[in-house]
Amino acid sequence: MEIHARARELLAKIRDIINRLSGNDRGNYPTHVSVFEPNRETINFIQKTECRFIAEIGIYKGHTSIEFAKFLNGNGELHLFDYEDRVRDVAAKINEAGFQNVHTFGSSYKLLDSYNWTIAKLLERGNDPIYGSTTNNVRRVKRR
């Protein structure tokens, strides 16, 4: 009897791993978080800079993303990193608001898929830092 119980346990674990690797199991990802407005601290900080290339990693419903788009006002680029469905939906909202300078980088829900790969590929494309001006502006604002 104990062997059958262990075998069922092992099969359940194997099934769980296969589902996570294939992206079929979203049970380990939050479907809901308590974010109902933009992150004002982040927006206030960015508004003090001359930044024109913004990367937002983890956008959820895009409250802060839309504020970034307003700040850029069609200049520069806004790069959004999150799951494919999230970046697609938020980019559509931003485009409807009249801003076309949004680039989306979506990941699947597969266990080993992540925006880290996408960022690494972006960095690999060229020798110049993509978000270097953001870093410089961050340092300048912090010194004040």
N, C-alpha and C. Protein backbone atom coordinates (compact mmCIF):
# COMPACT_ATOMS: atom_id res chain seq x y z
N MET A 1 0.83 -1.19 0.00
CA MET A 1 0.00 0.00 0.00
C MET A 1 0.88 1.26 0.00
N GLU A 2 1.93 1.25 0.80
CA GLU A 2 2.82 2.42 0.90
C GLU A 2 3.53 2.69 -0.43
N ILE A 3 3.86 1.66 -1.18
CA ILE A 3 4.53 1.82 -2.47
C ILE A 3 3.60 2.55 -3.44
N HIS A 4 2.32 2.21 -3.46
CA HIS A 4 1.37 2.86 -4.36
C HIS A 4 1.19 4.33 -4.01
N ALA A 5 1.16 4.63 -2.74
CA ALA A 5 1.03 6.03 -2.31
C ALA A 5 2.25 6.84 -2.73
N ARG A 6 3.42 6.27 -2.57
CA ARG A 6 4.66 6.96 -2.98
C ARG A 6 4.70 7.14 -4.49
N ALA A 7 4.26 6.13 -5.21
CA ALA A 7 4.24 6.22 -6.68
C ALA A 7 3.29 7.33 -7.13
N ARG A 8 2.11 7.42 -6.49
CA ARG A 8 1.16 8.50 -6.83
C ARG A 8 1.76 9.87 -6.51
N GLU A 9 2.44 9.97 -5.39
CA GLU A 9 3.11 11.22 -5.02
C GLU A 9 4.16 11.61 -6.05
N LEU A 10 4.96 10.65 -6.45
CA LEU A 10 6.01 10.89 -7.43
C LEU A 10 5.40 11.29 -8.77
N LEU A 11 4.36 10.62 -9.20
CA LEU A 11 3.70 10.97 -10.45
C LEU A 11 3.11 12.38 -10.39
N ALA A 12 2.55 12.75 -9.25
CA ALA A 12 2.00 14.10 -9.09
C ALA A 12 3.10 15.14 -9.19
N LYS A 13 4.26 14.87 -8.62
CA LYS A 13 5.38 15.80 -8.69
C LYS A 13 5.89 15.92 -10.13
N ILE A 14 5.99 14.80 -10.82
CA ILE A 14 6.44 14.81 -12.21
C ILE A 14 5.45 15.60 -13.07
N ARG A 15 4.16 15.37 -12.87
CA ARG A 15 3.12 16.10 -13.61
C ARG A 15 3.24 17.60 -13.35
N ASP A 16 3.48 17.97 -12.09
CA ASP A 16 3.63 19.38 -11.72
C ASP A 16 4.83 20.00 -12.44
N ILE A 17 5.94 19.30 -12.46
CA ILE A 17 7.15 19.82 -13.13
C ILE A 17 6.91 19.97 -14.63
N ILE A 18 6.28 18.99 -15.25
CA ILE A 18 5.99 19.07 -16.69
C ILE A 18 5.08 20.25 -16.98
N ASN A 19 4.05 20.44 -16.16
CA ASN A 19 3.14 21.58 -16.35
C ASN A 19 3.86 22.91 -16.19
N ARG A 20 4.73 23.00 -15.19
CA ARG A 20 5.45 24.26 -14.97
C ARG A 20 6.42 24.55 -16.11
N LEU A 21 7.10 23.52 -16.60
CA LEU A 21 8.05 23.72 -17.70
C LEU A 21 7.34 24.09 -18.99
N SER A 22 6.15 23.59 -19.19
CA SER A 22 5.42 23.87 -20.43
C SER A 22 4.56 25.13 -20.34
N GLY A 23 4.47 25.71 -19.17
CA GLY A 23 3.69 26.93 -19.01
C GLY A 23 2.21 26.69 -18.80
N ASN A 24 1.82 25.45 -18.56
CA ASN A 24 0.41 25.13 -18.37
C ASN A 24 -0.07 25.38 -16.95
N ASP A 25 0.83 25.56 -16.03
CA ASP A 25 0.44 25.73 -14.63
C ASP A 25 0.66 27.16 -14.19
N ARG A 26 -0.38 27.94 -14.18
CA ARG A 26 -0.27 29.32 -13.72
C ARG A 26 -0.60 29.44 -12.24
N GLY A 27 -0.86 28.32 -11.60
CA GLY A 27 -1.22 28.32 -10.19
C GLY A 27 -0.13 28.89 -9.29
N ASN A 28 1.11 28.87 -9.77
CA ASN A 28 2.20 29.40 -8.96
C ASN A 28 2.44 30.88 -9.18
N TYR A 29 1.65 31.50 -10.05
CA TYR A 29 1.80 32.91 -10.34
C TYR A 29 0.60 33.67 -9.79
N PRO A 30 0.82 34.82 -9.20
CA PRO A 30 -0.33 35.57 -8.70
C PRO A 30 -1.22 36.05 -9.84
N THR A 31 -2.50 35.87 -9.68
CA THR A 31 -3.43 36.36 -10.68
C THR A 31 -3.92 37.75 -10.29
N HIS A 32 -3.68 38.12 -9.07
CA HIS A 32 -4.20 39.37 -8.55
C HIS A 32 -3.20 39.99 -7.56
N VAL A 33 -2.95 41.25 -7.68
CA VAL A 33 -2.16 41.96 -6.68
C VAL A 33 -2.90 43.25 -6.35
N SER A 34 -2.57 43.84 -5.24
CA SER A 34 -3.26 45.06 -4.81
C SER A 34 -2.55 46.30 -5.33
N VAL A 35 -2.65 46.53 -6.61
CA VAL A 35 -2.08 47.71 -7.23
C VAL A 35 -3.21 48.39 -8.00
N PHE A 36 -3.58 49.58 -7.55
CA PHE A 36 -4.72 50.26 -8.14
C PHE A 36 -4.38 51.63 -8.70
N GLU A 37 -3.12 52.01 -8.59
CA GLU A 37 -2.71 53.33 -9.06
C GLU A 37 -1.23 53.31 -9.40
N PRO A 38 -0.76 54.33 -10.12
CA PRO A 38 0.68 54.38 -10.46
C PRO A 38 1.53 54.53 -9.20
N ASN A 39 2.77 54.11 -9.32
CA ASN A 39 3.72 54.30 -8.23
C ASN A 39 4.19 55.75 -8.29
N ARG A 40 3.62 56.59 -7.46
CA ARG A 40 3.89 58.04 -7.48
C ARG A 40 5.35 58.34 -7.17
N GLU A 41 5.96 57.61 -6.29
CA GLU A 41 7.37 57.85 -5.95
C GLU A 41 8.25 57.67 -7.19
N THR A 42 7.99 56.62 -7.95
CA THR A 42 8.76 56.36 -9.16
C THR A 42 8.51 57.43 -10.21
N ILE A 43 7.25 57.79 -10.40
CA ILE A 43 6.91 58.82 -11.38
C ILE A 43 7.56 60.15 -11.00
N ASN A 44 7.46 60.54 -9.75
CA ASN A 44 8.08 61.80 -9.30
C ASN A 44 9.58 61.79 -9.53
N PHE A 45 10.20 60.66 -9.27
CA PHE A 45 11.64 60.54 -9.47
C PHE A 45 12.00 60.71 -10.95
N ILE A 46 11.31 59.97 -11.82
CA ILE A 46 11.60 60.04 -13.26
C ILE A 46 11.37 61.44 -13.80
N GLN A 47 10.37 62.13 -13.29
CA GLN A 47 10.08 63.48 -13.78
C GLN A 47 11.20 64.47 -13.46
N LYS A 48 12.05 64.14 -12.53
CA LYS A 48 13.19 65.00 -12.19
C LYS A 48 14.39 64.75 -13.10
N THR A 49 14.26 63.80 -13.99
CA THR A 49 15.39 63.44 -14.86
C THR A 49 15.12 63.89 -16.29
N GLU A 50 16.10 63.71 -17.13
CA GLU A 50 15.95 63.97 -18.56
C GLU A 50 15.85 62.64 -19.31
N CYS A 51 15.51 61.62 -18.63
CA CYS A 51 15.46 60.27 -19.17
C CYS A 51 14.50 60.18 -20.34
N ARG A 52 14.93 59.54 -21.42
CA ARG A 52 14.08 59.34 -22.59
C ARG A 52 14.01 57.88 -23.01
N PHE A 53 14.66 57.01 -22.27
CA PHE A 53 14.57 55.57 -22.48
C PHE A 53 14.27 54.94 -21.14
N ILE A 54 13.07 54.44 -20.99
CA ILE A 54 12.62 53.89 -19.72
C ILE A 54 12.29 52.41 -19.91
N ALA A 55 12.81 51.58 -19.01
CA ALA A 55 12.45 50.17 -18.98
C ALA A 55 11.67 49.93 -17.70
N GLU A 56 10.47 49.39 -17.87
CA GLU A 56 9.67 49.04 -16.70
C GLU A 56 9.56 47.52 -16.67
N ILE A 57 10.03 46.95 -15.59
CA ILE A 57 10.05 45.50 -15.44
C ILE A 57 8.98 45.12 -14.44
N GLY A 58 7.99 44.40 -14.92
CA GLY A 58 6.84 44.05 -14.09
C GLY A 58 5.82 45.17 -14.14
N ILE A 59 4.84 45.08 -15.03
CA ILE A 59 3.94 46.20 -15.27
C ILE A 59 2.53 45.99 -14.75
N TYR A 60 2.16 44.76 -14.46
CA TYR A 60 0.83 44.36 -14.02
C TYR A 60 -0.24 44.97 -14.92
N LYS A 61 -1.03 45.93 -14.46
CA LYS A 61 -2.10 46.53 -15.27
C LYS A 61 -1.66 47.79 -16.01
N GLY A 62 -0.43 48.26 -15.76
CA GLY A 62 0.11 49.38 -16.52
C GLY A 62 -0.17 50.76 -15.97
N HIS A 63 -0.57 50.86 -14.72
CA HIS A 63 -0.85 52.18 -14.14
C HIS A 63 0.37 53.10 -14.23
N THR A 64 1.53 52.59 -13.84
CA THR A 64 2.75 53.39 -13.91
C THR A 64 3.22 53.53 -15.36
N SER A 65 3.01 52.52 -16.17
CA SER A 65 3.41 52.56 -17.59
C SER A 65 2.75 53.73 -18.31
N ILE A 66 1.49 53.93 -18.08
CA ILE A 66 0.77 55.03 -18.74
C ILE A 66 1.35 56.37 -18.31
N GLU A 67 1.71 56.50 -17.06
CA GLU A 67 2.32 57.74 -16.58
C GLU A 67 3.69 57.96 -17.22
N PHE A 68 4.45 56.87 -17.40
CA PHE A 68 5.73 56.98 -18.10
C PHE A 68 5.51 57.46 -19.53
N ALA A 69 4.50 56.92 -20.20
CA ALA A 69 4.21 57.33 -21.58
C ALA A 69 3.84 58.81 -21.63
N LYS A 70 3.06 59.27 -20.69
CA LYS A 70 2.71 60.69 -20.63
C LYS A 70 3.95 61.54 -20.42
N PHE A 71 4.84 61.08 -19.55
CA PHE A 71 6.08 61.82 -19.29
C PHE A 71 6.92 61.91 -20.56
N LEU A 72 7.05 60.82 -21.28
CA LEU A 72 7.84 60.82 -22.50
C LEU A 72 7.17 61.62 -23.61
N ASN A 73 5.86 61.66 -23.60
CA ASN A 73 5.08 62.45 -24.55
C ASN A 73 5.49 62.20 -26.00
N GLY A 74 5.67 60.92 -26.33
CA GLY A 74 6.02 60.58 -27.71
C GLY A 74 7.50 60.63 -28.02
N ASN A 75 8.31 61.10 -27.13
CA ASN A 75 9.77 61.16 -27.33
C ASN A 75 10.43 59.97 -26.65
N GLY A 76 11.53 59.52 -27.19
CA GLY A 76 12.25 58.40 -26.58
C GLY A 76 11.49 57.10 -26.72
N GLU A 77 11.75 56.17 -25.81
CA GLU A 77 11.13 54.85 -25.86
C GLU A 77 10.77 54.36 -24.48
N LEU A 78 9.65 53.66 -24.43
CA LEU A 78 9.22 52.99 -23.21
C LEU A 78 9.25 51.49 -23.49
N HIS A 79 10.07 50.77 -22.74
CA HIS A 79 10.20 49.32 -22.89
C HIS A 79 9.46 48.65 -21.74
N LEU A 80 8.53 47.77 -22.07
CA LEU A 80 7.73 47.08 -21.06
C LEU A 80 8.10 45.60 -21.02
N PHE A 81 8.41 45.10 -19.83
CA PHE A 81 8.79 43.71 -19.62
C PHE A 81 7.82 43.06 -18.64
N ASP A 82 7.18 42.02 -19.07
CA ASP A 82 6.28 41.24 -18.21
C ASP A 82 5.80 40.05 -19.02
N TYR A 83 4.76 39.40 -18.57
CA TYR A 83 4.19 38.29 -19.34
C TYR A 83 3.57 38.82 -20.62
N GLU A 84 3.54 37.98 -21.66
CA GLU A 84 3.06 38.38 -22.99
C GLU A 84 1.69 39.03 -22.95
N ASP A 85 0.75 38.41 -22.21
CA ASP A 85 -0.60 38.96 -22.18
C ASP A 85 -0.64 40.33 -21.51
N ARG A 86 0.17 40.52 -20.50
CA ARG A 86 0.18 41.81 -19.80
C ARG A 86 0.76 42.93 -20.66
N VAL A 87 1.90 42.67 -21.30
CA VAL A 87 2.50 43.74 -22.11
C VAL A 87 1.63 44.07 -23.32
N ARG A 88 0.99 43.06 -23.87
CA ARG A 88 0.09 43.29 -25.02
C ARG A 88 -1.08 44.20 -24.62
N ASP A 89 -1.71 43.89 -23.49
CA ASP A 89 -2.86 44.67 -23.03
C ASP A 89 -2.48 46.10 -22.66
N VAL A 90 -1.38 46.25 -21.96
CA VAL A 90 -0.94 47.59 -21.53
C VAL A 90 -0.50 48.42 -22.73
N ALA A 91 0.22 47.81 -23.67
CA ALA A 91 0.65 48.53 -24.88
C ALA A 91 -0.57 49.01 -25.66
N ALA A 92 -1.61 48.21 -25.71
CA ALA A 92 -2.83 48.61 -26.41
C ALA A 92 -3.46 49.85 -25.74
N LYS A 93 -3.49 49.86 -24.41
CA LYS A 93 -4.03 51.03 -23.68
C LYS A 93 -3.20 52.28 -23.97
N ILE A 94 -1.89 52.11 -23.97
CA ILE A 94 -1.00 53.25 -24.21
C ILE A 94 -1.15 53.75 -25.65
N ASN A 95 -1.26 52.83 -26.59
CA ASN A 95 -1.48 53.22 -27.99
C ASN A 95 -2.81 53.95 -28.16
N GLU A 96 -3.86 53.47 -27.48
CA GLU A 96 -5.17 54.13 -27.53
C GLU A 96 -5.09 55.55 -26.96
N ALA A 97 -4.17 55.77 -26.02
CA ALA A 97 -4.00 57.10 -25.43
C ALA A 97 -3.19 58.01 -26.35
N GLY A 98 -2.71 57.47 -27.49
CA GLY A 98 -2.03 58.29 -28.48
C GLY A 98 -0.52 58.22 -28.46
N PHE A 99 0.04 57.30 -27.72
CA PHE A 99 1.50 57.17 -27.64
C PHE A 99 1.93 55.93 -28.40
N GLN A 100 2.86 56.11 -29.33
CA GLN A 100 3.30 55.01 -30.20
C GLN A 100 4.73 54.55 -29.92
N ASN A 101 5.39 55.10 -28.92
CA ASN A 101 6.79 54.81 -28.68
C ASN A 101 6.99 53.72 -27.62
N VAL A 102 6.12 52.73 -27.64
CA VAL A 102 6.17 51.64 -26.66
C VAL A 102 6.68 50.37 -27.34
N HIS A 103 7.60 49.70 -26.70
CA HIS A 103 8.14 48.43 -27.19
C HIS A 103 7.88 47.38 -26.12
N THR A 104 7.29 46.28 -26.53
CA THR A 104 6.93 45.25 -25.56
C THR A 104 7.88 44.06 -25.65
N PHE A 105 8.15 43.49 -24.49
CA PHE A 105 9.01 42.33 -24.38
C PHE A 105 8.32 41.36 -23.43
N GLY A 106 7.55 40.46 -24.02
CA GLY A 106 6.76 39.54 -23.21
C GLY A 106 7.41 38.19 -23.02
N SER A 107 7.18 37.65 -21.86
CA SER A 107 7.65 36.30 -21.53
C SER A 107 6.44 35.39 -21.41
N SER A 108 6.68 34.11 -21.60
CA SER A 108 5.60 33.14 -21.40
C SER A 108 5.51 32.82 -19.91
N TYR A 109 4.57 31.98 -19.56
CA TYR A 109 4.44 31.55 -18.17
C TYR A 109 5.25 30.29 -17.89
N LYS A 110 6.08 29.88 -18.83
CA LYS A 110 6.90 28.70 -18.62
C LYS A 110 7.89 28.93 -17.50
N LEU A 111 8.19 27.90 -16.79
CA LEU A 111 9.03 27.99 -15.59
C LEU A 111 10.38 28.66 -15.86
N LEU A 112 11.04 28.29 -16.91
CA LEU A 112 12.39 28.81 -17.16
C LEU A 112 12.41 30.00 -18.12
N ASP A 113 11.25 30.52 -18.47
CA ASP A 113 11.19 31.70 -19.33
C ASP A 113 11.11 32.92 -18.42
N SER A 114 11.78 33.97 -18.81
CA SER A 114 11.82 35.16 -17.97
C SER A 114 12.29 36.34 -18.79
N TYR A 115 11.99 37.53 -18.32
CA TYR A 115 12.46 38.74 -19.00
C TYR A 115 13.97 38.86 -18.93
N ASN A 116 14.62 38.13 -18.07
CA ASN A 116 16.09 38.17 -18.01
C ASN A 116 16.71 37.80 -19.34
N TRP A 117 16.13 36.80 -20.03
CA TRP A 117 16.65 36.39 -21.33
C TRP A 117 16.48 37.51 -22.34
N THR A 118 15.33 38.15 -22.32
CA THR A 118 15.05 39.23 -23.26
C THR A 118 16.00 40.40 -23.05
N ILE A 119 16.21 40.76 -21.80
CA ILE A 119 17.12 41.87 -21.49
C ILE A 119 18.54 41.51 -21.92
N ALA A 120 18.94 40.29 -21.67
CA ALA A 120 20.29 39.86 -22.07
C ALA A 120 20.46 39.96 -23.59
N LYS A 121 19.43 39.56 -24.34
CA LYS A 121 19.49 39.64 -25.80
C LYS A 121 19.56 41.10 -26.26
N LEU A 122 18.84 41.97 -25.61
CA LEU A 122 18.89 43.40 -25.96
C LEU A 122 20.28 43.97 -25.71
N LEU A 123 20.86 43.62 -24.59
CA LEU A 123 22.19 44.11 -24.25
C LEU A 123 23.24 43.55 -25.19
N GLU A 124 23.01 42.33 -25.65
CA GLU A 124 23.96 41.66 -26.55
C GLU A 124 24.01 42.31 -27.93
N ARG A 125 22.95 43.00 -28.32
CA ARG A 125 22.85 43.59 -29.67
C ARG A 125 23.90 44.65 -29.96
N GLY A 126 24.26 45.43 -28.95
CA GLY A 126 25.18 46.53 -29.23
C GLY A 126 26.16 46.75 -28.11
N ASN A 127 27.10 47.65 -28.37
CA ASN A 127 28.13 47.96 -27.38
C ASN A 127 27.71 49.06 -26.43
N ASP A 128 26.77 49.90 -26.86
CA ASP A 128 26.34 51.02 -26.03
C ASP A 128 25.26 50.59 -25.06
N PRO A 129 25.28 51.13 -23.85
CA PRO A 129 24.22 50.80 -22.90
C PRO A 129 22.87 51.33 -23.41
N ILE A 130 21.84 50.53 -23.32
CA ILE A 130 20.52 50.95 -23.76
C ILE A 130 19.94 51.98 -22.81
N TYR A 131 20.09 51.72 -21.53
CA TYR A 131 19.48 52.57 -20.52
C TYR A 131 20.54 53.39 -19.78
N GLY A 132 21.65 53.63 -20.44
CA GLY A 132 22.75 54.36 -19.81
C GLY A 132 22.37 55.75 -19.36
N SER A 133 21.57 56.47 -20.16
CA SER A 133 21.20 57.83 -19.77
C SER A 133 20.34 57.82 -18.52
N THR A 134 19.57 56.76 -18.34
CA THR A 134 18.77 56.65 -17.12
C THR A 134 19.68 56.54 -15.92
N THR A 135 20.70 55.70 -16.04
CA THR A 135 21.64 55.53 -14.94
C THR A 135 22.35 56.84 -14.61
N ASN A 136 22.79 57.56 -15.64
CA ASN A 136 23.46 58.84 -15.41
C ASN A 136 22.53 59.84 -14.74
N ASN A 137 21.29 59.91 -15.21
CA ASN A 137 20.35 60.83 -14.59
C ASN A 137 20.02 60.43 -13.17
N VAL A 138 19.95 59.15 -12.92
CA VAL A 138 19.69 58.68 -11.56
C VAL A 138 20.79 59.16 -10.64
N ARG A 139 22.02 59.02 -11.06
CA ARG A 139 23.13 59.46 -10.22
C ARG A 139 23.07 60.98 -10.00
N ARG A 140 22.76 61.72 -11.02
CA ARG A 140 22.71 63.18 -10.89
C ARG A 140 21.60 63.59 -9.92
N VAL A 141 20.45 62.97 -10.01
CA VAL A 141 19.35 63.34 -9.14
C VAL A 141 19.66 62.94 -7.70
N LYS A 142 20.29 61.80 -7.51
CA LYS A 142 20.60 61.35 -6.14
C LYS A 142 21.58 62.29 -5.44
N ARG A 143 22.44 62.96 -6.19
CA ARG A 143 23.43 63.83 -5.57
C ARG A 143 22.82 65.12 -5.05
N ARG A 144 21.68 65.50 -5.55
CA ARG A 144 21.07 66.79 -5.16
C ARG A 144 20.60 66.81 -3.75
